[in-house]
N, C-alpha and C. Protein backbone atom coordinates (compact mmCIF):
# COMPACT_ATOMS: atom_id res chain seq x y z
N MET A 1 161.91 81.77 103.78
CA MET A 1 161.73 80.38 102.67
C MET A 1 160.88 80.51 101.41
N ASN A 2 161.17 79.88 100.69
CA ASN A 2 160.14 79.96 99.18
C ASN A 2 159.67 79.06 99.63
N ASN A 3 157.87 79.41 99.55
CA ASN A 3 156.79 78.18 99.69
C ASN A 3 156.77 78.57 97.76
N VAL A 4 156.96 77.64 96.80
CA VAL A 4 156.81 77.33 96.12
C VAL A 4 156.91 75.70 95.85
N LEU A 5 155.37 75.30 94.87
CA LEU A 5 155.45 73.69 94.45
C LEU A 5 157.05 73.24 92.90
N ILE A 6 156.76 74.25 91.74
CA ILE A 6 157.87 74.35 91.05
C ILE A 6 158.27 75.87 90.42
N ASN A 7 159.84 75.40 90.33
CA ASN A 7 160.18 76.97 89.27
C ASN A 7 159.13 78.03 88.71
N ASN A 8 158.89 78.72 88.75
CA ASN A 8 158.68 79.80 87.29
C ASN A 8 157.15 78.98 86.81
N ALA A 9 156.03 79.24 87.88
CA ALA A 9 154.65 77.97 87.76
C ALA A 9 154.24 79.71 87.02
N GLU A 10 154.11 80.63 86.38
CA GLU A 10 153.57 80.83 85.48
C GLU A 10 153.21 80.50 83.93
N LEU A 11 154.35 80.08 84.44
CA LEU A 11 155.33 79.32 82.19
C LEU A 11 153.40 77.49 82.40
N TYR A 12 153.33 77.09 83.17
CA TYR A 12 152.75 76.32 83.30
C TYR A 12 151.23 76.21 84.44
N ASP A 13 150.30 77.40 83.77
CA ASP A 13 149.28 77.72 83.43
C ASP A 13 148.52 76.67 82.56
N GLY A 14 147.89 76.02 83.05
CA GLY A 14 146.51 74.68 83.10
C GLY A 14 147.53 73.62 82.60
N LYS A 15 148.46 73.16 83.28
CA LYS A 15 149.22 72.33 82.67
C LYS A 15 149.41 70.90 84.00
N TYR A 16 149.66 69.83 83.09
CA TYR A 16 150.36 68.73 84.02
C TYR A 16 151.85 68.82 84.29
N VAL A 17 152.87 69.12 85.50
CA VAL A 17 153.72 69.03 84.99
C VAL A 17 154.71 67.82 86.07
N ALA A 18 156.28 67.69 85.45
CA ALA A 18 156.60 65.92 86.78
C ALA A 18 157.82 67.37 87.30
N THR A 19 158.29 66.30 88.59
CA THR A 19 158.89 66.74 88.79
C THR A 19 159.98 65.40 89.45
N ARG A 20 161.00 66.51 89.94
CA ARG A 20 162.07 64.76 90.38
C ARG A 20 161.40 64.01 91.37
N SER A 21 160.93 64.83 92.70
CA SER A 21 161.03 65.19 93.93
C SER A 21 160.07 65.90 94.23
N PHE A 22 159.41 66.17 95.48
CA PHE A 22 158.75 66.89 96.00
C PHE A 22 159.54 68.01 96.53
N ILE A 23 160.89 67.84 96.72
CA ILE A 23 162.01 68.78 97.10
C ILE A 23 162.03 69.65 96.29
N ASP A 24 162.43 68.77 94.49
CA ASP A 24 163.52 69.28 94.25
C ASP A 24 161.89 70.65 92.77
N LYS A 25 162.34 71.57 93.00
CA LYS A 25 161.38 72.66 92.03
C LYS A 25 161.71 72.87 90.72
N ASP A 26 163.23 72.18 90.02
CA ASP A 26 162.87 72.24 88.70
C ASP A 26 161.62 71.35 87.89
N VAL A 27 161.06 71.62 86.52
CA VAL A 27 160.02 71.57 86.57
C VAL A 27 161.17 70.13 85.06
N VAL A 28 160.67 68.46 84.84
CA VAL A 28 161.09 68.10 83.93
C VAL A 28 160.16 68.34 82.87
N CYS A 29 159.25 67.79 82.85
CA CYS A 29 158.38 67.93 81.01
C CYS A 29 157.02 68.28 82.09
N SER A 30 156.49 69.28 80.91
CA SER A 30 154.57 69.52 81.47
C SER A 30 153.80 68.86 79.87
N GLY A 31 152.17 69.03 79.98
CA GLY A 31 151.65 69.01 79.20
C GLY A 31 150.06 68.84 80.11
N ASP A 32 149.22 68.65 78.66
CA ASP A 32 147.84 68.37 78.55
C ASP A 32 147.37 67.19 79.52
N ASP A 33 148.42 66.28 78.81
CA ASP A 33 147.75 65.05 79.77
C ASP A 33 148.57 63.94 81.29
N VAL A 34 147.87 64.11 81.46
CA VAL A 34 148.89 63.93 83.10
C VAL A 34 149.44 61.82 83.03
N VAL A 35 148.99 60.98 81.63
CA VAL A 35 149.42 59.93 81.58
C VAL A 35 150.56 60.31 80.97
N GLN A 36 150.86 60.76 79.65
CA GLN A 36 151.88 61.64 78.85
C GLN A 36 153.18 61.96 79.39
N VAL A 37 152.34 62.84 81.09
CA VAL A 37 153.25 64.15 81.01
C VAL A 37 154.54 63.02 81.81
N TYR A 38 153.08 62.02 82.51
CA TYR A 38 154.26 60.85 83.60
C TYR A 38 155.20 59.85 82.91
N ASN A 39 154.44 59.45 81.82
CA ASN A 39 155.63 58.46 81.14
C ASN A 39 156.74 59.48 80.22
N GLU A 40 156.84 60.19 79.70
CA GLU A 40 157.32 61.48 79.64
C GLU A 40 159.22 61.55 80.15
N ALA A 41 157.99 61.96 81.83
CA ALA A 41 159.26 61.98 83.04
C ALA A 41 159.78 60.87 82.50
N GLN A 42 159.30 59.30 82.72
CA GLN A 42 160.38 58.22 83.04
C GLN A 42 160.92 57.93 82.28
N LYS A 43 160.82 58.46 80.68
CA LYS A 43 162.41 58.35 79.82
C LYS A 43 163.10 59.42 79.63
N ALA A 44 162.63 60.21 80.31
CA ALA A 44 163.97 60.92 80.83
C ALA A 44 164.44 60.63 82.00
N GLY A 45 164.52 59.21 82.35
CA GLY A 45 165.61 58.82 84.03
C GLY A 45 164.73 59.32 84.93
N VAL A 46 163.54 59.81 85.37
CA VAL A 46 163.60 60.31 86.79
C VAL A 46 162.11 58.86 87.08
N LYS A 47 162.96 57.61 87.64
CA LYS A 47 162.51 55.80 88.04
C LYS A 47 160.52 57.40 88.53
N ASP A 48 161.04 58.05 90.27
CA ASP A 48 158.66 58.01 90.25
C ASP A 48 158.28 59.20 90.02
N PRO A 49 158.67 59.55 88.75
CA PRO A 49 158.48 61.43 89.12
C PRO A 49 156.91 61.52 89.81
N VAL A 50 156.67 63.27 90.51
CA VAL A 50 155.69 63.79 91.01
C VAL A 50 155.23 64.86 89.86
N VAL A 51 154.01 63.78 89.87
CA VAL A 51 152.84 64.93 88.83
C VAL A 51 152.01 65.18 89.21
N PHE A 52 151.38 67.01 88.68
CA PHE A 52 150.35 67.79 89.50
C PHE A 52 150.02 68.52 88.53
N TYR A 53 149.03 68.94 88.83
CA TYR A 53 148.25 70.31 88.25
C TYR A 53 147.99 72.14 88.43
N ILE A 54 149.03 72.62 87.50
CA ILE A 54 149.07 74.19 87.85
C ILE A 54 146.89 74.41 86.78
N PRO A 55 147.11 75.56 88.30
CA PRO A 55 145.57 76.06 87.38
C PRO A 55 146.11 76.93 87.30
N GLU A 56 145.01 77.44 86.12
CA GLU A 56 145.46 79.42 85.48
C GLU A 56 144.54 79.63 86.35
N LYS A 57 145.81 81.44 86.41
CA LYS A 57 145.63 81.88 87.07
C LYS A 57 144.55 82.43 87.24
N GLU A 58 144.01 83.21 88.10
CA GLU A 58 142.71 83.40 88.27
C GLU A 58 141.24 82.30 87.72
N MET A 59 141.94 82.01 88.07
CA MET A 59 140.66 79.82 87.79
C MET A 59 140.04 79.86 88.96
N ILE A 60 138.95 79.90 88.85
CA ILE A 60 138.58 79.62 90.14
C ILE A 60 137.67 78.04 89.88
N HIS A 61 138.29 77.42 91.39
CA HIS A 61 137.66 75.26 91.00
C HIS A 61 137.11 74.88 92.20
N ILE A 62 136.31 74.37 92.03
CA ILE A 62 134.84 74.22 92.71
C ILE A 62 135.01 72.40 92.68
N TYR A 63 135.30 72.39 94.44
CA TYR A 63 135.20 70.79 93.92
C TYR A 63 134.26 70.38 95.07
N ILE A 64 133.60 69.41 95.64
CA ILE A 64 132.81 68.28 95.86
C ILE A 64 132.97 66.73 95.87
N LEU A 65 132.58 67.16 97.69
CA LEU A 65 133.65 65.83 98.73
C LEU A 65 132.11 65.17 99.36
N GLN A 66 132.28 64.00 98.46
CA GLN A 66 131.10 63.19 99.01
C GLN A 66 131.48 62.41 99.60
N CYS A 67 131.18 62.50 101.14
CA CYS A 67 131.62 60.84 101.97
C CYS A 67 130.50 59.75 102.76
N LEU A 68 130.93 59.29 103.07
CA LEU A 68 130.11 58.07 102.85
C LEU A 68 129.57 58.04 104.77
């Protein structure tokens, strides 16, 4: 089983990408602005696109979680 989020992920380093669903691994559109990518995917006919960020290769990400 090939466990990847999207096909050709290396083409989208540092970009937001939109797919038709969590199962469909083909990118509908991509860009630097999450809202713009979402709207562009809808204009391409995707009713409820899945949009997520592809981190740049070898970039370290630090997340701080605050719990109440």
